[in-house]
Amino acid sequence: MLRTLVGGLELETPLLTGSGTFGHDPAALAFLNPGDLGALVLKTVTPDPRHGNPPQRIAEFQGGVLNAIGLENKGLAYWREHVAPQLEQVPLPVVANAGGHSAEDFVAMVEAFDLMKGVAAIELNLSCPNVKGGIQFSTDTAALEEVVRACRQATRKPLWVKLSPNVSSIRPFAESAEAAGADALTVCNTLIGLLVDWRKRKPVLANGTGGMSGPAVKPMAMRLVYEASQAVGIPVVASGGASCAEDVLEFIVAGASAVQIGTACFRRPGVISEIATELRQILEQEHLSLDELRGSLIWPR
């Protein structure tokens, strides 16, 4: 009932983890029931270890979370030795997430992931707002197309491109990624935001700004998913504020092929299984399928 095809991957459900929210390895799968998660999307890995930004680097607000983690990770060498072997035992597709500062960094990561048996697809994090120079590839269409084309030549595995919402129009970036050989788009990364401690007259986060995620960003993400899906012929994976089955179905109607669940997992680690159960119940009650709903939004005339 929930089977979904995304960029060459056959998934049991349209529900994916959001990169950065489920860790670097499959340990958090223990919270979920078998058959409920479509693919495990892991946290960004970079060629060299990164300590990330100094604390405080995460804060809650009424509508979600603001973070400036800064792509903290132990680097490719550690990941290759300690994490990659675990992925071969995971009973569902694993999407590795690649980060870097240059086109050469991204190509190196893609080449490494391409050789790992446990990696089914690769998501390029071209749009992290919390590292210096982190969004240059998603705010310049020529730079985006260059790096995606180079990565495309480095792997035969499905290649997903994670786009930034921090642009005036997502359409040209979606089109550039598709033209360069992307198999799917992830729409979108976090929105740049600011929280202020008025008593101290300082930003709450040590980095100043951070990436905003959670329920508050859903309407923005919904618009971008719709616009991207109208611009390209490849699948769009929604990412931004989904926390229940109704949210997921809204994204599907707006044009998404699948939906990443991220910030909601912080509060309820088993929420993806809850959503999968709800989805099956709703579709059965309404006598509908995901294929019927996908991209069926009727725009006002």
C-alpha atoms as a PDB file:
ATOM      1  CA  MET A   1       0.000   0.000   0.000  1.00  0.00           C
ATOM      2  CA  LEU A   2       2.822   2.421   0.806  1.00  0.00           C
ATOM      3  CA  ARG A   3       5.421   1.251  -1.716  1.00  0.00           C
ATOM      4  CA  THR A   4       7.181   4.181  -3.357  1.00  0.00           C
ATOM      5  CA  LEU A   5       9.816   4.683  -6.062  1.00  0.00           C
ATOM      6  CA  VAL A   6      12.310   7.520  -5.580  1.00  0.00           C
ATOM      7  CA  GLY A   7      15.184   8.138  -7.944  1.00  0.00           C
ATOM      8  CA  GLY A   8      15.864   4.478  -8.675  1.00  0.00           C
ATOM      9  CA  LEU A   9      15.157   3.251  -5.144  1.00  0.00           C
ATOM     10  CA  GLU A  10      12.190   1.026  -4.336  1.00  0.00           C
ATOM     11  CA  LEU A  11      10.947   1.882  -0.854  1.00  0.00           C
ATOM     12  CA  GLU A  12       8.504   0.048   1.407  1.00  0.00           C
ATOM     13  CA  THR A  13       7.039   3.389   2.498  1.00  0.00           C
ATOM     14  CA  PRO A  14       7.445   7.067   1.521  1.00  0.00           C
ATOM     15  CA  LEU A  15       8.795   7.860   4.998  1.00  0.00           C
ATOM     16  CA  LEU A  16      12.483   8.665   5.357  1.00  0.00           C
ATOM     17  CA  THR A  17      14.618   9.989   8.163  1.00  0.00           C
ATOM     18  CA  GLY A  18      15.877  13.550   7.806  1.00  0.00           C
ATOM     19  CA  SER A  19      19.652  13.891   7.572  1.00  0.00           C
ATOM     20  CA  GLY A  20      21.119  15.257  10.776  1.00  0.00           C
ATOM     21  CA  THR A  21      18.326  13.981  13.007  1.00  0.00           C
ATOM     22  CA  PHE A  22      18.896  10.213  13.130  1.00  0.00           C
ATOM     23  CA  GLY A  23      22.668  10.132  13.613  1.00  0.00           C
ATOM     24  CA  HIS A  24      25.561   8.699  11.613  1.00  0.00           C
ATOM     25  CA  ASP A  25      24.734   5.013  11.999  1.00  0.00           C
ATOM     26  CA  PRO A  26      21.714   2.688  12.133  1.00  0.00           C
ATOM     27  CA  ALA A  27      21.437   2.503  15.937  1.00  0.00           C
ATOM     28  CA  ALA A  28      18.246   4.599  16.076  1.00  0.00           C
ATOM     29  CA  LEU A  29      16.365   2.051  13.957  1.00  0.00           C
ATOM     30  CA  ALA A  30      15.666   0.259  17.237  1.00  0.00           C
ATOM     31  CA  PHE A  31      12.887   2.798  17.852  1.00  0.00           C
ATOM     32  CA  LEU A  32      10.964   1.785  14.701  1.00  0.00           C
ATOM     33  CA  ASN A  33       8.919  -1.214  13.620  1.00  0.00           C
ATOM     34  CA  PRO A  34      10.160  -3.202  10.606  1.00  0.00           C
ATOM     35  CA  GLY A  35       8.543  -2.143   7.350  1.00  0.00           C
ATOM     36  CA  ASP A  36       7.614   1.371   8.486  1.00  0.00           C
ATOM     37  CA  LEU A  37      10.694   3.277   7.303  1.00  0.00           C
ATOM     38  CA  GLY A  38      11.335   3.555   3.581  1.00  0.00           C
ATOM     39  CA  ALA A  39      14.995   4.583   3.745  1.00  0.00           C
ATOM     40  CA  LEU A  40      17.521   5.575   6.382  1.00  0.00           C
ATOM     41  CA  VAL A  41      19.052   8.941   5.499  1.00  0.00           C
ATOM     42  CA  LEU A  42      22.136   9.469   7.642  1.00  0.00           C
ATOM     43  CA  LYS A  43      23.860  12.575   8.983  1.00  0.00           C
ATOM     44  CA  THR A  44      26.327  14.436   6.776  1.00  0.00           C
ATOM     45  CA  VAL A  45      29.869  13.091   6.536  1.00  0.00           C
ATOM     46  CA  THR A  46      32.797  15.229   5.380  1.00  0.00           C
ATOM     47  CA  PRO A  47      36.261  14.155   4.173  1.00  0.00           C
ATOM     48  CA  ASP A  48      37.946  15.355   7.382  1.00  0.00           C
ATOM     49  CA  PRO A  49      36.625  15.315  10.960  1.00  0.00           C
ATOM     50  CA  ARG A  50      34.704  18.412  12.060  1.00  0.00           C
ATOM     51  CA  HIS A  51      34.184  19.561  15.639  1.00  0.00           C
ATOM     52  CA  GLY A  52      31.244  21.702  14.590  1.00  0.00           C
ATOM     53  CA  ASN A  53      30.356  25.083  16.021  1.00  0.00           C
ATOM     54  CA  PRO A  54      30.845  26.037  19.694  1.00  0.00           C
ATOM     55  CA  PRO A  55      27.915  25.768  22.132  1.00  0.00           C
ATOM     56  CA  GLN A  56      25.231  26.895  22.553  1.00  0.00           C
ATOM     57  CA  ARG A  57      24.340  25.478  19.173  1.00  0.00           C
ATOM     58  CA  ILE A  58      20.765  24.285  19.478  1.00  0.00           C
ATOM     59  CA  ALA A  59      17.680  25.944  20.944  1.00  0.00           C
ATOM     60  CA  GLU A  60      13.955  25.278  20.955  1.00  0.00           C
ATOM     61  CA  PHE A  61      11.306  27.866  20.191  1.00  0.00           C
ATOM     62  CA  GLN A  62       7.533  27.640  20.039  1.00  0.00           C
ATOM     63  CA  GLY A  63       7.434  26.425  16.446  1.00  0.00           C
ATOM     64  CA  GLY A  64      10.468  24.163  16.309  1.00  0.00           C
ATOM     65  CA  VAL A  65      14.236  24.118  16.693  1.00  0.00           C
ATOM     66  CA  LEU A  66      17.086  26.418  15.689  1.00  0.00           C
ATOM     67  CA  ASN A  67      20.432  24.679  15.257  1.00  0.00           C
ATOM     68  CA  ALA A  68      23.975  25.595  14.317  1.00  0.00           C
ATOM     69  CA  ILE A  69      25.642  22.215  14.835  1.00  0.00           C
ATOM     70  CA  GLY A  70      28.075  22.863  11.992  1.00  0.00           C
ATOM     71  CA  LEU A  71      28.246  19.357  10.461  1.00  0.00           C
ATOM     72  CA  GLU A  72      30.033  17.785  13.424  1.00  0.00           C
ATOM     73  CA  ASN A  73      31.304  14.350  12.404  1.00  0.00           C
ATOM     74  CA  LYS A  74      34.344  12.091  12.745  1.00  0.00           C
ATOM     75  CA  GLY A  75      35.260  12.199   9.066  1.00  0.00           C
ATOM     76  CA  LEU A  76      35.325   9.738   6.201  1.00  0.00           C
ATOM     77  CA  ALA A  77      38.132   7.478   7.462  1.00  0.00           C
ATOM     78  CA  TYR A  78      36.307   6.751  10.731  1.00  0.00           C
ATOM     79  CA  TRP A  79      32.985   6.363   8.940  1.00  0.00           C
ATOM     80  CA  ARG A  80      34.468   3.949   6.388  1.00  0.00           C
ATOM     81  CA  GLU A  81      35.991   1.760   9.097  1.00  0.00           C
ATOM     82  CA  HIS A  82      33.330   1.812  11.795  1.00  0.00           C
ATOM     83  CA  VAL A  83      29.994   2.696  10.189  1.00  0.00           C
ATOM     84  CA  ALA A  84      30.072   1.334   6.649  1.00  0.00           C
ATOM     85  CA  PRO A  85      30.301  -2.333   7.784  1.00  0.00           C
ATOM     86  CA  GLN A  86      27.154  -1.860   9.921  1.00  0.00           C
ATOM     87  CA  LEU A  87      25.201  -0.551   6.947  1.00  0.00           C
ATOM     88  CA  GLU A  88      25.564  -3.834   5.073  1.00  0.00           C
ATOM     89  CA  GLN A  89      23.291  -5.432   7.689  1.00  0.00           C
ATOM     90  CA  VAL A  90      20.520  -2.811   7.478  1.00  0.00           C
ATOM     91  CA  PRO A  91      17.354  -4.377   5.957  1.00  0.00           C
ATOM     92  CA  LEU A  92      16.316  -1.266   4.015  1.00  0.00           C
ATOM     93  CA  PRO A  93      17.985   1.254   1.691  1.00  0.00           C
ATOM     94  CA  VAL A  94      20.552   3.551   3.264  1.00  0.00           C
ATOM     95  CA  VAL A  95      21.121   7.030   1.848  1.00  0.00           C
ATOM     96  CA  ALA A  96      24.519   8.430   2.797  1.00  0.00           C
ATOM     97  CA  ASN A  97      24.829  12.205   2.996  1.00  0.00           C
ATOM     98  CA  ALA A  98      27.934  13.917   1.612  1.00  0.00           C
ATOM     99  CA  GLY A  99      29.284  17.291   2.697  1.00  0.00           C
ATOM    100  CA  GLY A 100      32.335  19.386   1.890  1.00  0.00           C
ATOM    101  CA  HIS A 101      33.755  22.817   1.161  1.00  0.00           C
ATOM    102  CA  SER A 102      34.669  22.302  -2.504  1.00  0.00           C
ATOM    103  CA  ALA A 103      33.633  20.336  -5.562  1.00  0.00           C
ATOM    104  CA  GLU A 104      36.670  18.127  -4.954  1.00  0.00           C
ATOM    105  CA  ASP A 105      35.451  17.347  -1.435  1.00  0.00           C
ATOM    106  CA  PHE A 106      32.039  16.293  -2.707  1.00  0.00           C
ATOM    107  CA  VAL A 107      33.517  14.140  -5.453  1.00  0.00           C
ATOM    108  CA  ALA A 108      35.812  12.429  -2.936  1.00  0.00           C
ATOM    109  CA  MET A 109      32.863  11.649  -0.685  1.00  0.00           C
ATOM    110  CA  VAL A 110      30.755  10.343  -3.558  1.00  0.00           C
ATOM    111  CA  GLU A 111      33.587   8.132  -4.799  1.00  0.00           C
ATOM    112  CA  ALA A 112      33.973   6.684  -1.302  1.00  0.00           C
ATOM    113  CA  PHE A 113      30.240   6.067  -0.844  1.00  0.00           C
ATOM    114  CA  ASP A 114      30.061   4.519  -4.288  1.00  0.00           C
ATOM    115  CA  LEU A 115      32.361   1.714  -3.129  1.00  0.00           C
ATOM    116  CA  MET A 116      30.361   0.925   0.013  1.00  0.00           C
ATOM    117  CA  LYS A 117      27.991  -2.029  -0.371  1.00  0.00           C
ATOM    118  CA  GLY A 118      25.682  -0.762   2.363  1.00  0.00           C
ATOM    119  CA  VAL A 119      25.018   2.582   0.668  1.00  0.00           C
ATOM    120  CA  ALA A 120      22.089   2.481  -1.766  1.00  0.00           C
ATOM    121  CA  ALA A 121      22.000   6.172  -2.703  1.00  0.00           C
ATOM    122  CA  ILE A 122      23.878   9.397  -2.021  1.00  0.00           C
ATOM    123  CA  GLU A 123      22.394  12.722  -0.941  1.00  0.00           C
ATOM    124  CA  LEU A 124      24.531  15.817  -1.541  1.00  0.00           C
ATOM    125  CA  ASN A 125      24.260  18.372   1.253  1.00  0.00           C
ATOM    126  CA  LEU A 126      24.950  21.432  -0.881  1.00  0.00           C
ATOM    127  CA  SER A 127      22.919  23.724   1.336  1.00  0.00           C
ATOM    128  CA  CYS A 128      23.989  23.659   4.996  1.00  0.00           C
ATOM    129  CA  PRO A 129      23.554  27.208   6.379  1.00  0.00           C
ATOM    130  CA  ASN A 130      25.649  26.592   9.505  1.00  0.00           C
ATOM    131  CA  VAL A 131      29.181  26.300   8.112  1.00  0.00           C
ATOM    132  CA  LYS A 132      31.341  28.918   6.457  1.00  0.00           C
ATOM    133  CA  GLY A 133      30.694  28.775   2.716  1.00  0.00           C
ATOM    134  CA  GLY A 134      28.079  26.072   3.322  1.00  0.00           C
ATOM    135  CA  ILE A 135      25.438  27.341   0.912  1.00  0.00           C
ATOM    136  CA  GLN A 136      27.501  28.601  -2.030  1.00  0.00           C
ATOM    137  CA  PHE A 137      26.531  25.603  -4.150  1.00  0.00           C
ATOM    138  CA  SER A 138      22.823  26.186  -3.557  1.00  0.00           C
ATOM    139  CA  THR A 139      22.787  29.932  -4.140  1.00  0.00           C
ATOM    140  CA  ASP A 140      24.661  29.871  -7.464  1.00  0.00           C
ATOM    141  CA  THR A 141      23.143  27.749 -10.225  1.00  0.00           C
ATOM    142  CA  ALA A 142      26.405  27.461 -12.155  1.00  0.00           C
ATOM    143  CA  ALA A 143      28.299  26.237  -9.069  1.00  0.00           C
ATOM    144  CA  LEU A 144      25.498  23.801  -8.225  1.00  0.00           C
ATOM    145  CA  GLU A 145      25.441  22.370 -11.727  1.00  0.00           C
ATOM    146  CA  GLU A 146      29.218  22.022 -11.778  1.00  0.00           C
ATOM    147  CA  VAL A 147      29.434  20.055  -8.534  1.00  0.00           C
ATOM    148  CA  VAL A 148      26.423  17.852  -9.305  1.00  0.00           C
ATOM    149  CA  ARG A 149      27.770  17.025 -12.763  1.00  0.00           C
ATOM    150  CA  ALA A 150      31.173  16.102 -11.272  1.00  0.00           C
ATOM    151  CA  CYS A 151      29.503  13.903  -8.646  1.00  0.00           C
ATOM    152  CA  ARG A 152      27.286  12.298 -11.267  1.00  0.00           C
ATOM    153  CA  GLN A 153      30.395  11.138 -13.114  1.00  0.00           C
ATOM    154  CA  ALA A 154      31.775   9.664  -9.878  1.00  0.00           C
ATOM    155  CA  THR A 155      28.932   7.207  -9.178  1.00  0.00           C
ATOM    156  CA  ARG A 156      26.278   5.034 -10.758  1.00  0.00           C
ATOM    157  CA  LYS A 157      24.258   5.024  -7.570  1.00  0.00           C
ATOM    158  CA  PRO A 158      21.153   7.226  -7.298  1.00  0.00           C
ATOM    159  CA  LEU A 159      22.223  10.803  -6.604  1.00  0.00           C
ATOM    160  CA  TRP A 160      19.962  13.136  -4.634  1.00  0.00           C
ATOM    161  CA  VAL A 161      20.577  16.865  -4.274  1.00  0.00           C
ATOM    162  CA  LYS A 162      19.442  18.704  -1.142  1.00  0.00           C
ATOM    163  CA  LEU A 163      18.450  22.254  -2.042  1.00  0.00           C
ATOM    164  CA  SER A 164      18.370  25.411   0.043  1.00  0.00           C
ATOM    165  CA  PRO A 165      15.205  27.380   0.852  1.00  0.00           C
ATOM    166  CA  ASN A 166      17.337  30.500   1.290  1.00  0.00           C
ATOM    167  CA  VAL A 167      16.982  31.640  -2.326  1.00  0.00           C
ATOM    168  CA  SER A 168      14.560  33.953  -4.145  1.00  0.00           C
ATOM    169  CA  SER A 169      13.294  31.111  -6.365  1.00  0.00           C
ATOM    170  CA  ILE A 170      14.000  27.400  -6.091  1.00  0.00           C
ATOM    171  CA  ARG A 171      12.994  26.656  -9.671  1.00  0.00           C
ATOM    172  CA  PRO A 172      16.322  27.432 -11.441  1.00  0.00           C
ATOM    173  CA  PHE A 173      18.248  25.425  -8.839  1.00  0.00           C
ATOM    174  CA  ALA A 174      15.953  22.436  -9.253  1.00  0.00           C
ATOM    175  CA  GLU A 175      16.335  22.654 -13.017  1.00  0.00           C
ATOM    176  CA  SER A 176      20.129  22.937 -12.787  1.00  0.00           C
ATOM    177  CA  ALA A 177      20.362  19.880 -10.531  1.00  0.00           C
ATOM    178  CA  GLU A 178      18.209  17.861 -12.903  1.00  0.00           C
ATOM    179  CA  ALA A 179      20.223  19.002 -15.935  1.00  0.00           C
ATOM    180  CA  ALA A 180      23.445  17.941 -14.206  1.00  0.00           C
ATOM    181  CA  GLY A 181      22.168  14.404 -13.625  1.00  0.00           C
ATOM    182  CA  ALA A 182      20.460  14.338 -10.239  1.00  0.00           C
ATOM    183  CA  ASP A 183      18.057  11.423  -9.766  1.00  0.00           C
ATOM    184  CA  ALA A 184      15.996  13.206  -7.097  1.00  0.00           C
ATOM    185  CA  LEU A 185      15.824  16.444  -5.135  1.00  0.00           C
ATOM    186  CA  THR A 186      15.459  16.895  -1.396  1.00  0.00           C
ATOM    187  CA  VAL A 187      13.435  20.047  -0.711  1.00  0.00           C
ATOM    188  CA  CYS A 188      14.523  21.598   1.487  1.00  0.00           C
ATOM    189  CA  ASN A 189      17.272  22.280   4.017  1.00  0.00           C
ATOM    190  CA  THR A 190      16.757  24.531   7.045  1.00  0.00           C
ATOM    191  CA  LEU A 191      15.779  28.189   6.880  1.00  0.00           C
ATOM    192  CA  ILE A 192      18.235  30.703   8.310  1.00  0.00           C
ATOM    193  CA  GLY A 193      16.829  32.125  11.551  1.00  0.00           C
ATOM    194  CA  LEU A 194      17.768  34.067  14.658  1.00  0.00           C
ATOM    195  CA  LEU A 195      16.803  33.769  18.317  1.00  0.00           C
ATOM    196  CA  VAL A 196      17.674  36.557  20.744  1.00  0.00           C
ATOM    197  CA  ASP A 197      18.240  36.584  24.505  1.00  0.00           C
ATOM    198  CA  TRP A 198      16.970  40.086  25.207  1.00  0.00           C
ATOM    199  CA  ARG A 199      18.378  40.177  28.737  1.00  0.00           C
ATOM    200  CA  LYS A 200      21.917  39.526  27.521  1.00  0.00           C
ATOM    201  CA  ARG A 201      21.367  41.491  24.280  1.00  0.00           C
ATOM    202  CA  LYS A 202      22.922  38.557  22.432  1.00  0.00           C
ATOM    203  CA  PRO A 203      21.858  35.822  20.026  1.00  0.00           C
ATOM    204  CA  VAL A 204      20.877  32.612  21.793  1.00  0.00           C
ATOM    205  CA  LEU A 205      23.210  30.578  19.575  1.00  0.00           C
ATOM    206  CA  ALA A 206      26.958  31.134  19.751  1.00  0.00           C
ATOM    207  CA  ASN A 207      27.042  31.110  15.956  1.00  0.00           C
ATOM    208  CA  GLY A 208      24.520  33.963  15.819  1.00  0.00           C
ATOM    209  CA  THR A 209      22.137  32.524  13.268  1.00  0.00           C
ATOM    210  CA  GLY A 210      21.083  28.919  12.810  1.00  0.00           C
ATOM    211  CA  GLY A 211      18.966  26.625  10.685  1.00  0.00           C
ATOM    212  CA  MET A 212      15.270  26.599  11.559  1.00  0.00           C
ATOM    213  CA  SER A 213      13.336  23.329  11.392  1.00  0.00           C
ATOM    214  CA  GLY A 214      10.116  21.928  12.773  1.00  0.00           C
ATOM    215  CA  PRO A 215       6.388  22.652  12.297  1.00  0.00           C
ATOM    216  CA  ALA A 216       6.890  26.383  11.707  1.00  0.00           C
ATOM    217  CA  VAL A 217       8.700  25.790   8.416  1.00  0.00           C
ATOM    218  CA  LYS A 218       6.077  23.465   6.899  1.00  0.00           C
ATOM    219  CA  PRO A 219       4.181  26.078   4.838  1.00  0.00           C
ATOM    220  CA  MET A 220       7.441  27.345   3.313  1.00  0.00           C
ATOM    221  CA  ALA A 221       8.658  23.820   2.591  1.00  0.00           C
ATOM    222  CA  MET A 222       5.254  22.952   1.096  1.00  0.00           C
ATOM    223  CA  ARG A 223       5.479  25.850  -1.342  1.00  0.00           C
ATOM    224  CA  LEU A 224       9.014  24.936  -2.362  1.00  0.00           C
ATOM    225  CA  VAL A 225       8.102  21.272  -2.867  1.00  0.00           C
ATOM    226  CA  TYR A 226       5.227  22.306  -5.116  1.00  0.00           C
ATOM    227  CA  GLU A 227       7.378  24.730  -7.122  1.00  0.00           C
ATOM    228  CA  ALA A 228      10.230  22.250  -7.507  1.00  0.00           C
ATOM    229  CA  SER A 229       7.933  19.405  -8.541  1.00  0.00           C
ATOM    230  CA  GLN A 230       6.375  21.654 -11.183  1.00  0.00           C
ATOM    231  CA  ALA A 231       9.832  22.554 -12.530  1.00  0.00           C
ATOM    232  CA  VAL A 232      11.406  19.101 -12.926  1.00  0.00           C
ATOM    233  CA  GLY A 233      10.582  15.584 -13.996  1.00  0.00           C
ATOM    234  CA  ILE A 234      12.621  13.825 -11.309  1.00  0.00           C
ATOM    235  CA  PRO A 235      11.189  12.906  -7.877  1.00  0.00           C
ATOM    236  CA  VAL A 236      11.099  15.449  -5.081  1.00  0.00           C
ATOM    237  CA  VAL A 237      11.650  14.336  -1.486  1.00  0.00           C
ATOM    238  CA  ALA A 238       9.968  16.736   0.935  1.00  0.00           C
ATOM    239  CA  SER A 239      11.780  17.829   4.081  1.00  0.00           C
ATOM    240  CA  GLY A 240      10.409  20.449   6.434  1.00  0.00           C
ATOM    241  CA  GLY A 241       8.055  20.259   9.387  1.00  0.00           C
ATOM    242  CA  ALA A 242       6.173  16.992   8.828  1.00  0.00           C
ATOM    243  CA  SER A 243       5.162  15.320  12.089  1.00  0.00           C
ATOM    244  CA  CYS A 244       1.983  13.337  11.337  1.00  0.00           C
ATOM    245  CA  ALA A 245       0.259  11.421   8.541  1.00  0.00           C
ATOM    246  CA  GLU A 246      -1.806  14.445   7.504  1.00  0.00           C
ATOM    247  CA  ASP A 247       1.392  16.438   6.960  1.00  0.00           C
ATOM    248  CA  VAL A 248       2.833  13.654   4.826  1.00  0.00           C
ATOM    249  CA  LEU A 249      -0.275  13.428   2.667  1.00  0.00           C
ATOM    250  CA  GLU A 250      -0.252  17.196   2.175  1.00  0.00           C
ATOM    251  CA  PHE A 251       3.319  17.007   0.877  1.00  0.00           C
ATOM    252  CA  ILE A 252       2.377  14.099  -1.406  1.00  0.00           C
ATOM    253  CA  VAL A 253      -0.515  16.080  -2.892  1.00  0.00           C
ATOM    254  CA  ALA A 254       1.837  19.049  -3.378  1.00  0.00           C
ATOM    255  CA  GLY A 255       4.090  16.852  -5.517  1.00  0.00           C
ATOM    256  CA  ALA A 256       6.452  14.976  -3.186  1.00  0.00           C
ATOM    257  CA  SER A 257       7.331  11.357  -3.883  1.00  0.00           C
ATOM    258  CA  ALA A 258       8.517  10.794  -0.314  1.00  0.00           C
ATOM    259  CA  VAL A 259       8.807  12.750   2.936  1.00  0.00           C
ATOM    260  CA  GLN A 260      11.666  13.032   5.398  1.00  0.00           C
ATOM    261  CA  ILE A 261      10.777  13.166   9.087  1.00  0.00           C
ATOM    262  CA  GLY A 262      13.402  15.002  11.105  1.00  0.00           C
ATOM    263  CA  THR A 263      12.760  17.354  14.010  1.00  0.00           C
ATOM    264  CA  ALA A 264       9.665  15.403  15.094  1.00  0.00           C
ATOM    265  CA  CYS A 265      11.948  12.450  15.889  1.00  0.00           C
ATOM    266  CA  PHE A 266      13.687  14.465  18.619  1.00  0.00           C
ATOM    267  CA  ARG A 267      10.516  14.529  20.705  1.00  0.00           C
ATOM    268  CA  ARG A 268       9.151  11.114  19.684  1.00  0.00           C
ATOM    269  CA  PRO A 269      11.848   8.756  18.360  1.00  0.00           C
ATOM    270  CA  GLY A 270       9.173   6.284  17.240  1.00  0.00           C
ATOM    271  CA  VAL A 271       7.069   8.839  15.372  1.00  0.00           C
ATOM    272  CA  ILE A 272       7.821   7.370  11.931  1.00  0.00           C
ATOM    273  CA  SER A 273       6.134   4.102  12.889  1.00  0.00           C
ATOM    274  CA  GLU A 274       3.176   6.070  14.259  1.00  0.00           C
ATOM    275  CA  ILE A 275       2.897   7.935  10.949  1.00  0.00           C
ATOM    276  CA  ALA A 276       3.170   4.748   8.892  1.00  0.00           C
ATOM    277  CA  THR A 277       0.285   3.199  10.862  1.00  0.00           C
ATOM    278  CA  GLU A 278      -1.817   6.343  10.386  1.00  0.00           C
ATOM    279  CA  LEU A 279      -1.077   6.445   6.658  1.00  0.00           C
ATOM    280  CA  ARG A 280      -2.222   2.871   6.116  1.00  0.00           C
ATOM    281  CA  GLN A 281      -5.426   3.523   8.043  1.00  0.00           C
ATOM    282  CA  ILE A 282      -6.256   6.758   6.221  1.00  0.00           C
ATOM    283  CA  LEU A 283      -5.589   5.380   2.737  1.00  0.00           C
ATOM    284  CA  GLU A 284      -7.684   2.285   3.470  1.00  0.00           C
ATOM    285  CA  GLN A 285     -10.562   4.340   4.889  1.00  0.00           C
ATOM    286  CA  GLU A 286     -10.512   6.789   1.976  1.00  0.00           C
ATOM    287  CA  HIS A 287      -9.973   4.054  -0.674  1.00  0.00           C
ATOM    288  CA  LEU A 288      -7.035   5.999  -2.053  1.00  0.00           C
ATOM    289  CA  SER A 289      -3.452   5.253  -3.087  1.00  0.00           C
ATOM    290  CA  LEU A 290      -0.326   7.364  -2.904  1.00  0.00           C
ATOM    291  CA  ASP A 291      -0.088   7.330  -6.695  1.00  0.00           C
ATOM    292  CA  GLU A 292      -3.579   8.828  -6.963  1.00  0.00           C
ATOM    293  CA  LEU A 293      -2.714  11.590  -4.516  1.00  0.00           C
ATOM    294  CA  ARG A 294       0.792  12.435  -5.694  1.00  0.00           C
ATOM    295  CA  GLY A 295       0.934  15.804  -7.425  1.00  0.00           C
ATOM    296  CA  SER A 296      -2.859  16.139  -7.485  1.00  0.00           C
ATOM    297  CA  LEU A 297      -2.982  19.676  -6.059  1.00  0.00           C
ATOM    298  CA  ILE A 298      -5.556  21.791  -7.858  1.00  0.00           C
ATOM    299  CA  TRP A 299      -4.203  25.334  -8.092  1.00  0.00           C
ATOM    300  CA  PRO A 300      -6.659  28.273  -7.937  1.00  0.00           C
ATOM    301  CA  ARG A 301      -7.437  29.868 -11.310  1.00  0.00           C
END
